[in-house]
């Protein structure tokens, strides 16, 4: 069984999740059950899937959860883009968070490719 806390991609993802929670606190009140809630669920689902995959007893399961986490990273990337276009976040903050999200997705894809070789 793998320890998810030992994976740098999990640590980075957890850190980004905390940033998303902080960021969405500034969203308009009418977005609390909309975009803010969806971004939070998406953000925490990524490290959650990594952790769940680590808890599985098979390499194919671990790999499958990494792929699911990578897909959720793409979803979050869009939600950040939408937040920028709606004026909820600045261009500068968008680029910073987008860059982190893309880096994490690349790490997930790379780890998934290496897993099971």
N, C-alpha and C. Protein backbone atom coordinates (compact mmCIF):
# COMPACT_ATOMS: atom_id res chain seq x y z
N UNK A 1 0.85 -1.17 0.00
CA UNK A 1 0.00 0.00 0.00
C UNK A 1 0.90 1.25 0.00
N UNK A 2 0.57 2.18 -0.84
CA UNK A 2 1.34 3.42 -0.95
C UNK A 2 0.86 4.45 0.09
N UNK A 3 1.74 5.34 0.48
CA UNK A 3 1.38 6.43 1.38
C UNK A 3 1.24 7.70 0.53
N UNK A 4 0.03 8.19 0.39
CA UNK A 4 -0.22 9.35 -0.47
C UNK A 4 0.54 10.59 -0.01
N UNK A 5 0.81 10.70 1.28
CA UNK A 5 1.51 11.87 1.80
C UNK A 5 2.96 11.94 1.32
N UNK A 6 3.48 10.83 0.85
CA UNK A 6 4.84 10.79 0.33
C UNK A 6 4.94 11.23 -1.12
N UNK A 7 3.81 11.42 -1.77
CA UNK A 7 3.82 11.82 -3.19
C UNK A 7 3.84 13.34 -3.31
N UNK A 8 4.82 13.87 -4.03
CA UNK A 8 4.91 15.33 -4.17
C UNK A 8 3.69 15.88 -4.90
N UNK A 9 3.11 15.11 -5.81
CA UNK A 9 1.92 15.59 -6.53
C UNK A 9 0.74 15.74 -5.57
N UNK A 10 0.63 14.88 -4.58
CA UNK A 10 -0.44 15.02 -3.60
C UNK A 10 -0.22 16.28 -2.76
N UNK A 11 1.00 16.49 -2.33
CA UNK A 11 1.33 17.66 -1.51
C UNK A 11 1.04 18.96 -2.26
N UNK A 12 1.43 19.02 -3.53
CA UNK A 12 1.15 20.21 -4.35
C UNK A 12 -0.35 20.39 -4.53
N UNK A 13 -1.04 19.31 -4.74
CA UNK A 13 -2.49 19.37 -4.96
C UNK A 13 -3.20 19.83 -3.70
N UNK A 14 -2.75 19.33 -2.56
CA UNK A 14 -3.36 19.76 -1.29
C UNK A 14 -3.16 21.26 -1.10
N UNK A 15 -1.97 21.75 -1.38
CA UNK A 15 -1.68 23.17 -1.26
C UNK A 15 -2.57 24.00 -2.19
N UNK A 16 -2.76 23.54 -3.42
CA UNK A 16 -3.63 24.25 -4.36
C UNK A 16 -5.09 24.21 -3.89
N UNK A 17 -5.50 23.12 -3.30
CA UNK A 17 -6.86 23.02 -2.77
C UNK A 17 -7.11 24.08 -1.70
N UNK A 18 -6.14 24.27 -0.83
CA UNK A 18 -6.26 25.30 0.20
C UNK A 18 -6.38 26.69 -0.44
N UNK A 19 -5.64 26.94 -1.50
CA UNK A 19 -5.73 28.21 -2.21
C UNK A 19 -7.11 28.41 -2.83
N UNK A 20 -7.66 27.34 -3.39
CA UNK A 20 -8.99 27.42 -4.01
C UNK A 20 -10.04 27.73 -2.96
N UNK A 21 -9.95 27.11 -1.80
CA UNK A 21 -10.89 27.39 -0.72
C UNK A 21 -10.82 28.86 -0.32
N UNK A 22 -9.61 29.36 -0.17
CA UNK A 22 -9.42 30.75 0.20
C UNK A 22 -9.96 31.68 -0.88
N UNK A 23 -9.66 31.39 -2.11
CA UNK A 23 -10.10 32.19 -3.25
C UNK A 23 -11.62 32.26 -3.34
N UNK A 24 -12.27 31.13 -3.23
CA UNK A 24 -13.72 31.09 -3.43
C UNK A 24 -14.49 31.79 -2.31
N UNK A 25 -13.84 32.06 -1.18
CA UNK A 25 -14.48 32.84 -0.12
C UNK A 25 -14.76 34.27 -0.59
N UNK A 26 -14.05 34.71 -1.61
CA UNK A 26 -14.22 36.09 -2.11
C UNK A 26 -15.25 36.18 -3.23
N UNK A 27 -15.78 35.05 -3.68
CA UNK A 27 -16.76 35.05 -4.77
C UNK A 27 -18.07 35.68 -4.29
N UNK A 28 -18.86 36.18 -5.23
CA UNK A 28 -20.17 36.74 -4.85
C UNK A 28 -21.03 35.70 -4.13
N UNK A 29 -21.87 36.18 -3.24
CA UNK A 29 -22.72 35.28 -2.45
C UNK A 29 -23.60 34.38 -3.32
N UNK A 30 -24.02 34.88 -4.48
CA UNK A 30 -24.89 34.05 -5.34
C UNK A 30 -24.12 32.92 -6.02
N UNK A 31 -22.80 32.89 -5.86
CA UNK A 31 -21.99 31.80 -6.41
C UNK A 31 -21.64 30.74 -5.37
N UNK A 32 -22.06 30.93 -4.13
CA UNK A 32 -21.70 30.00 -3.07
C UNK A 32 -22.16 28.58 -3.39
N UNK A 33 -23.38 28.42 -3.89
CA UNK A 33 -23.85 27.08 -4.23
C UNK A 33 -23.63 26.76 -5.71
N UNK A 34 -23.02 27.67 -6.42
CA UNK A 34 -22.74 27.46 -7.84
C UNK A 34 -21.28 27.19 -8.08
N UNK A 35 -20.63 28.12 -8.73
CA UNK A 35 -19.25 27.95 -9.15
C UNK A 35 -18.29 27.73 -7.99
N UNK A 36 -18.45 28.48 -6.91
CA UNK A 36 -17.55 28.32 -5.76
C UNK A 36 -17.62 26.91 -5.20
N UNK A 37 -18.81 26.41 -5.04
CA UNK A 37 -18.99 25.06 -4.52
C UNK A 37 -18.40 24.02 -5.47
N UNK A 38 -18.64 24.19 -6.75
CA UNK A 38 -18.12 23.24 -7.74
C UNK A 38 -16.59 23.25 -7.76
N UNK A 39 -16.01 24.44 -7.68
CA UNK A 39 -14.54 24.54 -7.67
C UNK A 39 -13.96 23.86 -6.44
N UNK A 40 -14.60 24.03 -5.31
CA UNK A 40 -14.11 23.39 -4.08
C UNK A 40 -14.19 21.88 -4.19
N UNK A 41 -15.34 21.38 -4.66
CA UNK A 41 -15.48 19.93 -4.80
C UNK A 41 -14.45 19.37 -5.77
N UNK A 42 -14.26 20.06 -6.86
CA UNK A 42 -13.29 19.63 -7.85
C UNK A 42 -11.87 19.66 -7.26
N UNK A 43 -11.55 20.74 -6.57
CA UNK A 43 -10.21 20.89 -5.99
C UNK A 43 -9.89 19.78 -5.00
N UNK A 44 -10.83 19.47 -4.11
CA UNK A 44 -10.51 18.43 -3.13
C UNK A 44 -10.67 17.03 -3.67
N UNK A 45 -11.37 16.88 -4.78
CA UNK A 45 -11.50 15.54 -5.35
C UNK A 45 -10.17 15.05 -5.93
N UNK A 46 -9.32 15.97 -6.33
CA UNK A 46 -8.05 15.57 -6.94
C UNK A 46 -7.13 14.91 -5.90
N UNK A 47 -6.81 15.57 -4.78
CA UNK A 47 -5.98 14.86 -3.79
C UNK A 47 -6.71 13.68 -3.16
N UNK A 48 -8.04 13.75 -3.11
CA UNK A 48 -8.81 12.62 -2.58
C UNK A 48 -8.66 11.40 -3.47
N UNK A 49 -8.70 11.59 -4.78
CA UNK A 49 -8.52 10.47 -5.71
C UNK A 49 -7.12 9.90 -5.64
N UNK A 50 -6.14 10.77 -5.46
CA UNK A 50 -4.76 10.30 -5.30
C UNK A 50 -4.67 9.44 -4.05
N UNK A 51 -5.24 9.94 -2.95
CA UNK A 51 -5.20 9.19 -1.69
C UNK A 51 -5.94 7.86 -1.81
N UNK A 52 -7.11 7.88 -2.45
CA UNK A 52 -7.87 6.64 -2.60
C UNK A 52 -7.12 5.63 -3.45
N UNK A 53 -6.50 6.12 -4.52
CA UNK A 53 -5.71 5.23 -5.37
C UNK A 53 -4.56 4.59 -4.61
N UNK A 54 -3.94 5.37 -3.73
CA UNK A 54 -2.84 4.84 -2.92
C UNK A 54 -3.33 3.76 -1.97
N UNK A 55 -4.57 3.86 -1.55
CA UNK A 55 -5.13 2.89 -0.61
C UNK A 55 -5.58 1.60 -1.26
N UNK A 56 -5.61 1.59 -2.58
CA UNK A 56 -6.01 0.37 -3.29
C UNK A 56 -4.84 -0.61 -3.32
N UNK A 57 -5.16 -1.87 -3.42
CA UNK A 57 -4.13 -2.89 -3.39
C UNK A 57 -3.63 -3.31 -4.76
N UNK A 58 -4.05 -2.60 -5.79
CA UNK A 58 -3.58 -2.99 -7.12
C UNK A 58 -3.05 -1.79 -7.88
N UNK A 59 -2.04 -2.04 -8.67
CA UNK A 59 -1.45 -1.00 -9.50
C UNK A 59 -2.44 -0.46 -10.52
N UNK A 60 -3.25 -1.32 -11.18
CA UNK A 60 -4.23 -0.77 -12.13
C UNK A 60 -5.23 0.18 -11.46
N UNK A 61 -5.66 -0.13 -10.24
CA UNK A 61 -6.56 0.77 -9.52
C UNK A 61 -5.88 2.11 -9.22
N UNK A 62 -4.63 2.05 -8.76
CA UNK A 62 -3.88 3.26 -8.47
C UNK A 62 -3.80 4.14 -9.73
N UNK A 63 -3.45 3.52 -10.82
CA UNK A 63 -3.32 4.24 -12.09
C UNK A 63 -4.67 4.86 -12.50
N UNK A 64 -5.74 4.12 -12.35
CA UNK A 64 -7.08 4.61 -12.72
C UNK A 64 -7.45 5.85 -11.90
N UNK A 65 -7.14 5.85 -10.62
CA UNK A 65 -7.45 7.01 -9.78
C UNK A 65 -6.57 8.21 -10.13
N UNK A 66 -5.34 7.97 -10.58
CA UNK A 66 -4.49 9.06 -11.04
C UNK A 66 -5.08 9.70 -12.29
N UNK A 67 -5.60 8.88 -13.19
CA UNK A 67 -6.22 9.39 -14.42
C UNK A 67 -7.48 10.19 -14.09
N UNK A 68 -8.26 9.72 -13.14
CA UNK A 68 -9.45 10.46 -12.72
C UNK A 68 -9.04 11.81 -12.13
N UNK A 69 -7.99 11.83 -11.31
CA UNK A 69 -7.50 13.08 -10.72
C UNK A 69 -7.03 14.04 -11.81
N UNK A 70 -6.37 13.52 -12.83
CA UNK A 70 -5.90 14.37 -13.94
C UNK A 70 -7.10 14.99 -14.67
N UNK A 71 -8.16 14.22 -14.85
CA UNK A 71 -9.37 14.75 -15.48
C UNK A 71 -9.99 15.86 -14.66
N UNK A 72 -10.00 15.70 -13.35
CA UNK A 72 -10.53 16.74 -12.47
C UNK A 72 -9.67 18.00 -12.53
N UNK A 73 -8.37 17.83 -12.76
CA UNK A 73 -7.50 19.00 -12.92
C UNK A 73 -7.89 19.80 -14.15
N UNK A 74 -8.26 19.11 -15.22
CA UNK A 74 -8.73 19.80 -16.43
C UNK A 74 -10.02 20.54 -16.14
N UNK A 75 -10.89 19.92 -15.37
CA UNK A 75 -12.16 20.57 -15.00
C UNK A 75 -11.89 21.84 -14.20
N UNK A 76 -10.96 21.77 -13.25
CA UNK A 76 -10.64 22.94 -12.44
C UNK A 76 -10.01 24.03 -13.31
N UNK A 77 -9.22 23.64 -14.27
CA UNK A 77 -8.61 24.62 -15.17
C UNK A 77 -9.70 25.44 -15.87
N UNK A 78 -10.75 24.77 -16.34
CA UNK A 78 -11.85 25.49 -16.98
C UNK A 78 -12.55 26.41 -15.97
N UNK A 79 -12.79 25.91 -14.77
CA UNK A 79 -13.49 26.71 -13.77
C UNK A 79 -12.69 27.96 -13.41
N UNK A 80 -11.38 27.87 -13.40
CA UNK A 80 -10.54 29.04 -13.18
C UNK A 80 -10.70 30.03 -14.33
N UNK A 81 -10.71 29.50 -15.55
CA UNK A 81 -10.89 30.33 -16.75
C UNK A 81 -12.23 31.06 -16.69
N UNK A 82 -13.28 30.34 -16.33
CA UNK A 82 -14.61 30.94 -16.20
C UNK A 82 -14.62 32.02 -15.12
N UNK A 83 -13.97 31.74 -14.00
CA UNK A 83 -13.91 32.71 -12.91
C UNK A 83 -13.23 34.00 -13.35
N UNK A 84 -12.19 33.86 -14.15
CA UNK A 84 -11.50 35.03 -14.69
C UNK A 84 -12.43 35.81 -15.61
N UNK A 85 -13.09 35.11 -16.53
CA UNK A 85 -13.97 35.78 -17.48
C UNK A 85 -15.18 36.43 -16.82
N UNK A 86 -15.60 35.91 -15.69
CA UNK A 86 -16.71 36.50 -14.94
C UNK A 86 -16.25 37.66 -14.06
N UNK A 87 -14.94 37.86 -13.99
CA UNK A 87 -14.40 38.96 -13.19
C UNK A 87 -14.22 38.64 -11.72
N UNK A 88 -14.26 37.36 -11.36
CA UNK A 88 -14.11 36.97 -9.96
C UNK A 88 -12.65 36.89 -9.54
N UNK A 89 -11.75 36.66 -10.51
CA UNK A 89 -10.32 36.64 -10.21
C UNK A 89 -9.58 37.45 -11.28
N UNK A 90 -8.43 37.95 -10.90
CA UNK A 90 -7.64 38.76 -11.82
C UNK A 90 -6.91 37.87 -12.83
N UNK A 91 -6.47 38.50 -13.89
CA UNK A 91 -5.68 37.79 -14.91
C UNK A 91 -4.40 37.22 -14.30
N UNK A 92 -3.77 37.99 -13.44
CA UNK A 92 -2.52 37.56 -12.81
C UNK A 92 -2.75 36.31 -11.95
N UNK A 93 -3.78 36.35 -11.11
CA UNK A 93 -4.08 35.20 -10.26
C UNK A 93 -4.50 34.01 -11.10
N UNK A 94 -5.28 34.25 -12.14
CA UNK A 94 -5.68 33.17 -13.04
C UNK A 94 -4.45 32.47 -13.61
N UNK A 95 -3.51 33.24 -14.14
CA UNK A 95 -2.31 32.64 -14.75
C UNK A 95 -1.51 31.83 -13.74
N UNK A 96 -1.41 32.34 -12.51
CA UNK A 96 -0.68 31.63 -11.47
C UNK A 96 -1.34 30.29 -11.15
N UNK A 97 -2.65 30.32 -10.92
CA UNK A 97 -3.38 29.10 -10.56
C UNK A 97 -3.49 28.14 -11.75
N UNK A 98 -3.65 28.69 -12.94
CA UNK A 98 -3.69 27.85 -14.13
C UNK A 98 -2.37 27.11 -14.30
N UNK A 99 -1.28 27.82 -14.12
CA UNK A 99 0.05 27.22 -14.25
C UNK A 99 0.24 26.08 -13.24
N UNK A 100 -0.16 26.32 -12.01
CA UNK A 100 -0.06 25.26 -10.98
C UNK A 100 -0.93 24.06 -11.35
N UNK A 101 -2.12 24.33 -11.83
CA UNK A 101 -3.05 23.25 -12.20
C UNK A 101 -2.49 22.42 -13.35
N UNK A 102 -1.94 23.08 -14.34
CA UNK A 102 -1.36 22.37 -15.49
C UNK A 102 -0.15 21.56 -15.05
N UNK A 103 0.70 22.13 -14.20
CA UNK A 103 1.87 21.41 -13.71
C UNK A 103 1.46 20.13 -12.97
N UNK A 104 0.44 20.26 -12.13
CA UNK A 104 -0.04 19.10 -11.37
C UNK A 104 -0.62 18.05 -12.30
N UNK A 105 -1.39 18.47 -13.30
CA UNK A 105 -1.95 17.50 -14.26
C UNK A 105 -0.83 16.76 -14.99
N UNK A 106 0.22 17.48 -15.38
CA UNK A 106 1.36 16.83 -16.04
C UNK A 106 2.03 15.83 -15.11
N UNK A 107 2.15 16.19 -13.83
CA UNK A 107 2.74 15.27 -12.86
C UNK A 107 1.88 14.01 -12.71
N UNK A 108 0.57 14.20 -12.67
CA UNK A 108 -0.35 13.05 -12.55
C UNK A 108 -0.24 12.15 -13.77
N UNK A 109 -0.22 12.74 -14.95
CA UNK A 109 -0.13 11.95 -16.18
C UNK A 109 1.20 11.21 -16.25
N UNK A 110 2.26 11.87 -15.85
CA UNK A 110 3.57 11.23 -15.85
C UNK A 110 3.62 10.07 -14.86
N UNK A 111 3.09 10.28 -13.67
CA UNK A 111 3.06 9.21 -12.66
C UNK A 111 2.20 8.05 -13.15
N UNK A 112 1.08 8.34 -13.78
CA UNK A 112 0.21 7.28 -14.30
C UNK A 112 0.93 6.47 -15.37
N UNK A 113 1.70 7.14 -16.23
CA UNK A 113 2.44 6.43 -17.28
C UNK A 113 3.53 5.54 -16.69
N UNK A 114 4.19 6.03 -15.64
CA UNK A 114 5.27 5.26 -15.00
C UNK A 114 4.74 4.09 -14.18
N UNK A 115 3.52 4.22 -13.69
CA UNK A 115 2.91 3.20 -12.85
C UNK A 115 2.57 1.97 -13.69
N UNK A 116 2.99 0.86 -13.21
CA UNK A 116 2.65 -0.39 -13.89
C UNK A 116 3.64 -0.83 -14.94
N UNK A 117 4.74 -0.10 -15.08
CA UNK A 117 5.74 -0.52 -16.05
C UNK A 117 6.53 -1.67 -15.52
